[in-house]
Each structure stands twice: as C-alpha cells, then as structure tokens.
Amino acid sequence: MNPTEVQGMYVALILPSMFGLVLTGEGVWKVVHQRLIGFISIFLGMMFMMAVGIGYLLFVGVL
C-alpha cells in the first residue's frame, strides 16, 4: 500500500481511531452514571487508540 493513498490511511487509521474514541466515550458515560463497568470500556478504548498510534508509526516507517 502506498502511504500517500488517502483511502488506505482512512481505512487503516481513521476508522479504527473513531471506534476507539467511541469506546472511550461510552466508558466515560457509564462511569458518570455510576456504572463501574465503564472503566473496562475506557481501558479498552485507550488500548485500542494506542494500537492505532503504533500502527500509524509503522505506517509512516518510524518503527
């Protein structure tokens, strides 16, 4: 995949990062409404965002 292709970056980075943000936001909403299971969603969302960040670094050739 050519790094300059916008479609590849959209599929590989932007869609997964949106999923991670939604998962984190859902966890925050659950914690605000006194549901302790929200911490699991926050943790998984943050881990997903870290995986996307590492994928980006691999995508641009830093790692």
N, C-alpha and C. Protein backbone atom coordinates (compact mmCIF):
# COMPACT_ATOMS: atom_id res chain seq x y z
N MET A 1 0.85 -1.17 0.00
CA MET A 1 0.00 0.00 0.00
C MET A 1 0.90 1.24 0.00
N ASN A 2 0.57 2.16 -0.85
CA ASN A 2 1.33 3.40 -0.95
C ASN A 2 0.91 4.35 0.18
N PRO A 3 1.86 4.87 0.96
CA PRO A 3 1.49 5.74 2.10
C PRO A 3 0.79 7.02 1.70
N THR A 4 0.88 7.42 0.43
CA THR A 4 0.22 8.66 0.02
C THR A 4 -1.23 8.45 -0.35
N GLU A 5 -1.70 7.22 -0.40
CA GLU A 5 -3.10 6.96 -0.74
C GLU A 5 -3.99 7.30 0.45
N VAL A 6 -4.93 8.17 0.22
CA VAL A 6 -5.82 8.62 1.29
C VAL A 6 -6.76 7.50 1.73
N GLN A 7 -7.20 6.67 0.79
CA GLN A 7 -8.13 5.60 1.14
C GLN A 7 -7.50 4.61 2.11
N GLY A 8 -6.24 4.29 1.90
CA GLY A 8 -5.56 3.35 2.79
C GLY A 8 -5.42 3.91 4.18
N MET A 9 -5.09 5.20 4.28
CA MET A 9 -4.96 5.81 5.60
C MET A 9 -6.32 5.88 6.28
N TYR A 10 -7.37 6.16 5.51
CA TYR A 10 -8.71 6.24 6.09
C TYR A 10 -9.12 4.90 6.69
N VAL A 11 -8.92 3.84 5.95
CA VAL A 11 -9.34 2.52 6.42
C VAL A 11 -8.44 2.03 7.56
N ALA A 12 -7.14 2.29 7.46
CA ALA A 12 -6.20 1.73 8.42
C ALA A 12 -6.09 2.53 9.71
N LEU A 13 -6.39 3.84 9.67
CA LEU A 13 -6.14 4.67 10.84
C LEU A 13 -7.37 5.42 11.34
N ILE A 14 -8.10 6.05 10.47
CA ILE A 14 -9.18 6.94 10.92
C ILE A 14 -10.38 6.16 11.44
N LEU A 15 -10.82 5.14 10.71
CA LEU A 15 -11.97 4.36 11.19
C LEU A 15 -11.68 3.66 12.52
N PRO A 16 -10.54 2.98 12.68
CA PRO A 16 -10.26 2.38 13.98
C PRO A 16 -10.11 3.40 15.11
N SER A 17 -9.55 4.57 14.81
CA SER A 17 -9.43 5.57 15.87
C SER A 17 -10.79 6.12 16.27
N MET A 18 -11.71 6.23 15.32
CA MET A 18 -13.07 6.65 15.67
C MET A 18 -13.73 5.61 16.57
N PHE A 19 -13.50 4.33 16.30
CA PHE A 19 -14.04 3.27 17.15
C PHE A 19 -13.46 3.36 18.56
N GLY A 20 -12.17 3.60 18.66
CA GLY A 20 -11.54 3.74 19.98
C GLY A 20 -12.08 4.92 20.75
N LEU A 21 -12.31 6.04 20.06
CA LEU A 21 -12.87 7.22 20.73
C LEU A 21 -14.30 6.96 21.20
N VAL A 22 -15.09 6.27 20.38
CA VAL A 22 -16.46 5.95 20.79
C VAL A 22 -16.45 5.01 21.99
N LEU A 23 -15.57 4.04 21.99
CA LEU A 23 -15.47 3.11 23.11
C LEU A 23 -15.06 3.83 24.39
N THR A 24 -14.12 4.75 24.28
CA THR A 24 -13.70 5.54 25.44
C THR A 24 -14.83 6.45 25.92
N GLY A 25 -15.52 7.09 25.00
CA GLY A 25 -16.64 7.96 25.37
C GLY A 25 -17.77 7.19 26.03
N GLU A 26 -18.04 6.00 25.55
CA GLU A 26 -19.06 5.16 26.17
C GLU A 26 -18.67 4.80 27.60
N GLY A 27 -17.39 4.51 27.81
CA GLY A 27 -16.92 4.20 29.15
C GLY A 27 -17.05 5.39 30.08
N VAL A 28 -16.73 6.59 29.59
CA VAL A 28 -16.88 7.79 30.41
C VAL A 28 -18.34 8.00 30.77
N TRP A 29 -19.23 7.79 29.82
CA TRP A 29 -20.67 7.94 30.08
C TRP A 29 -21.12 6.96 31.16
N LYS A 30 -20.63 5.71 31.08
CA LYS A 30 -21.01 4.71 32.08
C LYS A 30 -20.48 5.08 33.47
N VAL A 31 -19.25 5.58 33.54
CA VAL A 31 -18.67 5.96 34.83
C VAL A 31 -19.44 7.13 35.43
N VAL A 32 -19.81 8.10 34.60
CA VAL A 32 -20.56 9.26 35.10
C VAL A 32 -21.91 8.82 35.67
N HIS A 33 -22.49 7.78 35.09
CA HIS A 33 -23.78 7.29 35.57
C HIS A 33 -23.62 6.14 36.57
N GLN A 34 -22.51 6.14 37.31
CA GLN A 34 -22.24 5.21 38.41
C GLN A 34 -22.28 3.74 37.98
N ARG A 35 -21.76 3.44 36.82
CA ARG A 35 -21.62 2.05 36.41
C ARG A 35 -20.12 1.77 36.32
N LEU A 36 -19.61 0.99 37.24
CA LEU A 36 -18.17 0.76 37.33
C LEU A 36 -17.62 -0.03 36.15
N ILE A 37 -18.48 -0.70 35.40
CA ILE A 37 -18.01 -1.44 34.24
C ILE A 37 -17.48 -0.50 33.16
N GLY A 38 -17.77 0.79 33.30
CA GLY A 38 -17.27 1.77 32.34
C GLY A 38 -15.76 1.87 32.33
N PHE A 39 -15.11 1.55 33.44
CA PHE A 39 -13.65 1.60 33.47
C PHE A 39 -13.04 0.59 32.50
N ILE A 40 -13.73 -0.53 32.31
CA ILE A 40 -13.25 -1.52 31.34
C ILE A 40 -13.33 -0.95 29.93
N SER A 41 -14.42 -0.28 29.61
CA SER A 41 -14.56 0.33 28.29
C SER A 41 -13.52 1.42 28.06
N ILE A 42 -13.26 2.22 29.09
CA ILE A 42 -12.24 3.27 28.97
C ILE A 42 -10.87 2.64 28.73
N PHE A 43 -10.55 1.60 29.49
CA PHE A 43 -9.26 0.92 29.33
C PHE A 43 -9.13 0.32 27.93
N LEU A 44 -10.16 -0.37 27.47
CA LEU A 44 -10.09 -0.99 26.14
C LEU A 44 -10.01 0.06 25.04
N GLY A 45 -10.73 1.17 25.20
CA GLY A 45 -10.66 2.25 24.22
C GLY A 45 -9.28 2.86 24.15
N MET A 46 -8.66 3.07 25.30
CA MET A 46 -7.30 3.63 25.32
C MET A 46 -6.29 2.64 24.72
N MET A 47 -6.44 1.36 25.01
CA MET A 47 -5.55 0.37 24.42
C MET A 47 -5.73 0.32 22.90
N PHE A 48 -6.96 0.44 22.45
CA PHE A 48 -7.23 0.44 21.01
C PHE A 48 -6.59 1.65 20.35
N MET A 49 -6.68 2.82 21.02
CA MET A 49 -6.07 4.03 20.48
C MET A 49 -4.54 3.91 20.45
N MET A 50 -3.96 3.26 21.45
CA MET A 50 -2.52 3.03 21.44
C MET A 50 -2.12 2.12 20.28
N ALA A 51 -2.94 1.11 20.01
CA ALA A 51 -2.66 0.21 18.88
C ALA A 51 -2.74 0.97 17.56
N VAL A 52 -3.69 1.88 17.44
CA VAL A 52 -3.79 2.70 16.23
C VAL A 52 -2.57 3.60 16.10
N GLY A 53 -2.11 4.17 17.22
CA GLY A 53 -0.91 5.01 17.19
C GLY A 53 0.33 4.23 16.77
N ILE A 54 0.47 3.03 17.28
CA ILE A 54 1.60 2.19 16.87
C ILE A 54 1.47 1.81 15.40
N GLY A 55 0.24 1.54 14.96
CA GLY A 55 0.02 1.26 13.54
C GLY A 55 0.39 2.44 12.67
N TYR A 56 0.10 3.65 13.13
CA TYR A 56 0.48 4.84 12.38
C TYR A 56 2.00 4.96 12.27
N LEU A 57 2.68 4.72 13.39
CA LEU A 57 4.14 4.79 13.36
C LEU A 57 4.73 3.74 12.42
N LEU A 58 4.13 2.57 12.39
CA LEU A 58 4.57 1.55 11.44
C LEU A 58 4.25 1.96 10.01
N PHE A 59 3.11 2.61 9.83
CA PHE A 59 2.64 3.03 8.50
C PHE A 59 3.57 4.07 7.89
N VAL A 60 4.06 5.01 8.69
CA VAL A 60 4.94 6.05 8.16
C VAL A 60 6.41 5.64 8.18
N GLY A 61 6.72 4.51 8.80
CA GLY A 61 8.07 3.99 8.75
C GLY A 61 8.97 4.42 9.89
N VAL A 62 8.42 4.93 10.98
CA VAL A 62 9.24 5.33 12.12
C VAL A 62 9.72 4.11 12.89
N LEU A 63 8.86 3.12 13.04
CA LEU A 63 9.23 1.89 13.76
C LEU A 63 9.59 0.80 12.78
